[in-house]
Amino acid sequence: MERTAVNPWPWSVEMGFNQGEVVSGQTRTLYCSGQTAMDAEGKPQHEGDMAAQLALTLDNLEAVLGEAGMSLANVVRLNVYTTDVDLLFQHYGVLAARLGAAGVAPSTTMLGVTRLAIPTLMVELEATAVA
């Protein structure tokens, strides 16, 4: 797979994401359901702790990617849903560090929402990965 970043403006790269990515030569695409801070038994974790929820949400996303033989390095699109955009930005380094360590800056959309499916959850990540 070959990835080519599309950035007509440099500001998004400074924030850790590309405006777009052209993917060519792919053999498989994984569309991940939204991942949240749920434990293996499906119970929400870390009520009121955005940083901990974000870290567990990333762990869960990586678990889904791993089951498909992929990693964060394969993510080309990331949708971020949060009940508190300002609070998420305070902890955005958790997400940026994990993506940076994987060497990716996927095209990303962040949306503030009234609530997620489970009221105590504060962040949800939905990804598309290509290998």
C-alpha atoms as a PDB file:
ATOM      1  CA  MET A   1       0.000   0.000   0.000  1.00  0.00           C
ATOM      2  CA  GLU A   2       1.204   3.497  -0.803  1.00  0.00           C
ATOM      3  CA  ARG A   3      -0.059   6.558   1.085  1.00  0.00           C
ATOM      4  CA  THR A   4       0.283  10.101  -0.208  1.00  0.00           C
ATOM      5  CA  ALA A   5      -0.631  12.990   2.064  1.00  0.00           C
ATOM      6  CA  VAL A   6      -2.771  15.749   0.573  1.00  0.00           C
ATOM      7  CA  ASN A   7      -2.287  19.061   2.386  1.00  0.00           C
ATOM      8  CA  PRO A   8      -2.960  22.280   0.506  1.00  0.00           C
ATOM      9  CA  TRP A   9      -2.276  24.124   3.806  1.00  0.00           C
ATOM     10  CA  PRO A  10       0.387  23.302   6.421  1.00  0.00           C
ATOM     11  CA  TRP A  11      -1.632  24.043   9.581  1.00  0.00           C
ATOM     12  CA  SER A  12      -3.266  20.623   9.843  1.00  0.00           C
ATOM     13  CA  VAL A  13       0.071  18.797   9.720  1.00  0.00           C
ATOM     14  CA  GLU A  14       1.142  20.871  12.719  1.00  0.00           C
ATOM     15  CA  MET A  15      -1.951  19.572  14.538  1.00  0.00           C
ATOM     16  CA  GLY A  16      -1.163  15.964  13.618  1.00  0.00           C
ATOM     17  CA  PHE A  17      -3.491  15.198  10.737  1.00  0.00           C
ATOM     18  CA  ASN A  18      -3.588  15.343   6.963  1.00  0.00           C
ATOM     19  CA  GLN A  19      -6.394  17.023   5.045  1.00  0.00           C
ATOM     20  CA  GLY A  20      -6.605  13.900   2.907  1.00  0.00           C
ATOM     21  CA  GLU A  21      -4.710  10.775   1.959  1.00  0.00           C
ATOM     22  CA  VAL A  22      -4.554   9.049  -1.391  1.00  0.00           C
ATOM     23  CA  VAL A  23      -4.220   5.298  -0.889  1.00  0.00           C
ATOM     24  CA  SER A  24      -3.199   3.154  -3.820  1.00  0.00           C
ATOM     25  CA  GLY A  25      -2.366  -0.486  -4.191  1.00  0.00           C
ATOM     26  CA  GLN A  26      -4.440  -1.507  -1.179  1.00  0.00           C
ATOM     27  CA  THR A  27      -5.448  -5.111  -0.760  1.00  0.00           C
ATOM     28  CA  ARG A  28      -7.713  -4.904   2.291  1.00  0.00           C
ATOM     29  CA  THR A  29      -9.829  -2.214   3.963  1.00  0.00           C
ATOM     30  CA  LEU A  30     -11.119  -2.433   7.540  1.00  0.00           C
ATOM     31  CA  TYR A  31     -14.044  -0.265   8.635  1.00  0.00           C
ATOM     32  CA  CYS A  32     -13.995  -0.180  12.439  1.00  0.00           C
ATOM     33  CA  SER A  33     -17.068   0.422  14.543  1.00  0.00           C
ATOM     34  CA  GLY A  34     -16.785   3.250  17.009  1.00  0.00           C
ATOM     35  CA  GLN A  35     -14.546   2.231  19.905  1.00  0.00           C
ATOM     36  CA  THR A  36     -15.010   3.548  23.420  1.00  0.00           C
ATOM     37  CA  ALA A  37     -13.662   3.045  26.945  1.00  0.00           C
ATOM     38  CA  MET A  38     -15.298  -0.345  27.535  1.00  0.00           C
ATOM     39  CA  ASP A  39     -13.650  -3.304  29.245  1.00  0.00           C
ATOM     40  CA  ALA A  40     -13.612  -6.840  27.806  1.00  0.00           C
ATOM     41  CA  GLU A  41     -17.002  -7.532  29.411  1.00  0.00           C
ATOM     42  CA  GLY A  42     -18.600  -4.467  27.792  1.00  0.00           C
ATOM     43  CA  LYS A  43     -18.662  -2.322  30.923  1.00  0.00           C
ATOM     44  CA  PRO A  44     -17.799   1.391  30.636  1.00  0.00           C
ATOM     45  CA  GLN A  45     -14.613   2.453  32.438  1.00  0.00           C
ATOM     46  CA  HIS A  46     -13.061   5.643  33.846  1.00  0.00           C
ATOM     47  CA  GLU A  47     -16.181   7.741  34.403  1.00  0.00           C
ATOM     48  CA  GLY A  48     -15.269  11.431  34.305  1.00  0.00           C
ATOM     49  CA  ASP A  49     -11.627  10.842  33.282  1.00  0.00           C
ATOM     50  CA  MET A  50     -11.133  11.949  29.671  1.00  0.00           C
ATOM     51  CA  ALA A  51      -7.429  11.005  29.490  1.00  0.00           C
ATOM     52  CA  ALA A  52      -8.060   7.479  30.783  1.00  0.00           C
ATOM     53  CA  GLN A  53     -11.085   7.029  28.522  1.00  0.00           C
ATOM     54  CA  LEU A  54      -9.100   8.183  25.503  1.00  0.00           C
ATOM     55  CA  ALA A  55      -6.217   5.815  26.319  1.00  0.00           C
ATOM     56  CA  LEU A  56      -8.556   2.811  26.741  1.00  0.00           C
ATOM     57  CA  THR A  57     -10.465   3.765  23.601  1.00  0.00           C
ATOM     58  CA  LEU A  58      -7.176   3.720  21.680  1.00  0.00           C
ATOM     59  CA  ASP A  59      -6.284   0.359  23.248  1.00  0.00           C
ATOM     60  CA  ASN A  60      -9.629  -1.011  22.076  1.00  0.00           C
ATOM     61  CA  LEU A  61      -9.148   0.401  18.579  1.00  0.00           C
ATOM     62  CA  GLU A  62      -5.704  -1.198  18.450  1.00  0.00           C
ATOM     63  CA  ALA A  63      -7.241  -4.527  19.544  1.00  0.00           C
ATOM     64  CA  VAL A  64      -9.705  -4.452  16.638  1.00  0.00           C
ATOM     65  CA  LEU A  65      -6.926  -3.483  14.225  1.00  0.00           C
ATOM     66  CA  GLY A  66      -4.714  -6.262  15.613  1.00  0.00           C
ATOM     67  CA  GLU A  67      -7.432  -8.889  15.099  1.00  0.00           C
ATOM     68  CA  ALA A  68      -7.408  -7.876  11.424  1.00  0.00           C
ATOM     69  CA  GLY A  69      -3.595  -8.067  11.227  1.00  0.00           C
ATOM     70  CA  MET A  70      -3.263  -4.276  11.207  1.00  0.00           C
ATOM     71  CA  SER A  71      -2.121  -1.511  13.556  1.00  0.00           C
ATOM     72  CA  LEU A  72      -2.548   2.224  14.009  1.00  0.00           C
ATOM     73  CA  ALA A  73      -0.019   2.563  11.183  1.00  0.00           C
ATOM     74  CA  ASN A  74      -2.767   1.378   8.812  1.00  0.00           C
ATOM     75  CA  VAL A  75      -5.366   3.981   9.827  1.00  0.00           C
ATOM     76  CA  VAL A  76      -6.160   6.368   6.981  1.00  0.00           C
ATOM     77  CA  ARG A  77      -9.352   7.938   8.386  1.00  0.00           C
ATOM     78  CA  LEU A  78     -10.307   8.734  11.979  1.00  0.00           C
ATOM     79  CA  ASN A  79     -13.582  10.179  13.237  1.00  0.00           C
ATOM     80  CA  VAL A  80     -13.520  11.457  16.811  1.00  0.00           C
ATOM     81  CA  TYR A  81     -16.787  11.968  18.681  1.00  0.00           C
ATOM     82  CA  THR A  82     -16.745  13.634  22.089  1.00  0.00           C
ATOM     83  CA  THR A  83     -19.200  15.014  24.584  1.00  0.00           C
ATOM     84  CA  ASP A  84     -16.716  17.750  25.560  1.00  0.00           C
ATOM     85  CA  VAL A  85     -14.496  19.174  22.800  1.00  0.00           C
ATOM     86  CA  ASP A  86     -12.651  21.551  25.124  1.00  0.00           C
ATOM     87  CA  LEU A  87     -11.812  18.777  27.582  1.00  0.00           C
ATOM     88  CA  LEU A  88     -10.730  16.471  24.780  1.00  0.00           C
ATOM     89  CA  PHE A  89      -8.348  19.133  23.465  1.00  0.00           C
ATOM     90  CA  GLN A  90      -6.753  19.281  26.930  1.00  0.00           C
ATOM     91  CA  HIS A  91      -5.900  15.579  26.554  1.00  0.00           C
ATOM     92  CA  TYR A  92      -5.418  15.464  22.776  1.00  0.00           C
ATOM     93  CA  GLY A  93      -1.727  14.689  23.311  1.00  0.00           C
ATOM     94  CA  VAL A  94      -2.741  11.140  24.302  1.00  0.00           C
ATOM     95  CA  LEU A  95      -4.164  10.602  20.816  1.00  0.00           C
ATOM     96  CA  ALA A  96      -1.507  12.582  18.962  1.00  0.00           C
ATOM     97  CA  ALA A  97       1.334  10.716  20.704  1.00  0.00           C
ATOM     98  CA  ARG A  98      -0.065   7.289  19.814  1.00  0.00           C
ATOM     99  CA  LEU A  99      -0.656   8.265  16.177  1.00  0.00           C
ATOM    100  CA  GLY A 100       2.764   9.915  15.991  1.00  0.00           C
ATOM    101  CA  ALA A 101       4.449   6.812  17.410  1.00  0.00           C
ATOM    102  CA  ALA A 102       2.728   4.802  14.654  1.00  0.00           C
ATOM    103  CA  GLY A 103       4.026   7.280  12.078  1.00  0.00           C
ATOM    104  CA  VAL A 104       0.597   8.310  10.799  1.00  0.00           C
ATOM    105  CA  ALA A 105      -1.479  11.463  10.543  1.00  0.00           C
ATOM    106  CA  PRO A 106      -4.801  10.173   9.211  1.00  0.00           C
ATOM    107  CA  SER A 107      -7.422  12.503   7.851  1.00  0.00           C
ATOM    108  CA  THR A 108      -9.533  13.290  10.901  1.00  0.00           C
ATOM    109  CA  THR A 109     -12.867  14.806  11.812  1.00  0.00           C
ATOM    110  CA  MET A 110     -13.768  15.758  15.386  1.00  0.00           C
ATOM    111  CA  LEU A 111     -17.387  16.262  16.359  1.00  0.00           C
ATOM    112  CA  GLY A 112     -18.915  17.446  19.596  1.00  0.00           C
ATOM    113  CA  VAL A 113     -22.025  15.430  20.392  1.00  0.00           C
ATOM    114  CA  THR A 114     -24.710  15.701  23.053  1.00  0.00           C
ATOM    115  CA  ARG A 115     -23.989  12.190  24.334  1.00  0.00           C
ATOM    116  CA  LEU A 116     -22.666   8.812  23.245  1.00  0.00           C
ATOM    117  CA  ALA A 117     -24.579   5.510  23.376  1.00  0.00           C
ATOM    118  CA  ILE A 118     -23.619   5.032  27.033  1.00  0.00           C
ATOM    119  CA  PRO A 119     -24.037   8.283  28.997  1.00  0.00           C
ATOM    120  CA  THR A 120     -20.815   8.010  31.067  1.00  0.00           C
ATOM    121  CA  LEU A 121     -18.626   7.718  27.968  1.00  0.00           C
ATOM    122  CA  MET A 122     -16.958  10.894  26.738  1.00  0.00           C
ATOM    123  CA  VAL A 123     -15.073   9.887  23.569  1.00  0.00           C
ATOM    124  CA  GLU A 124     -15.530   7.472  20.655  1.00  0.00           C
ATOM    125  CA  LEU A 125     -13.099   6.725  17.822  1.00  0.00           C
ATOM    126  CA  GLU A 126     -14.228   5.368  14.452  1.00  0.00           C
ATOM    127  CA  ALA A 127     -11.477   4.379  12.033  1.00  0.00           C
ATOM    128  CA  THR A 128     -10.862   3.143   8.515  1.00  0.00           C
ATOM    129  CA  ALA A 129      -7.647   1.206   7.975  1.00  0.00           C
ATOM    130  CA  VAL A 130      -6.013  -0.044   4.784  1.00  0.00           C
ATOM    131  CA  ALA A 131      -3.344  -2.714   4.359  1.00  0.00           C
END
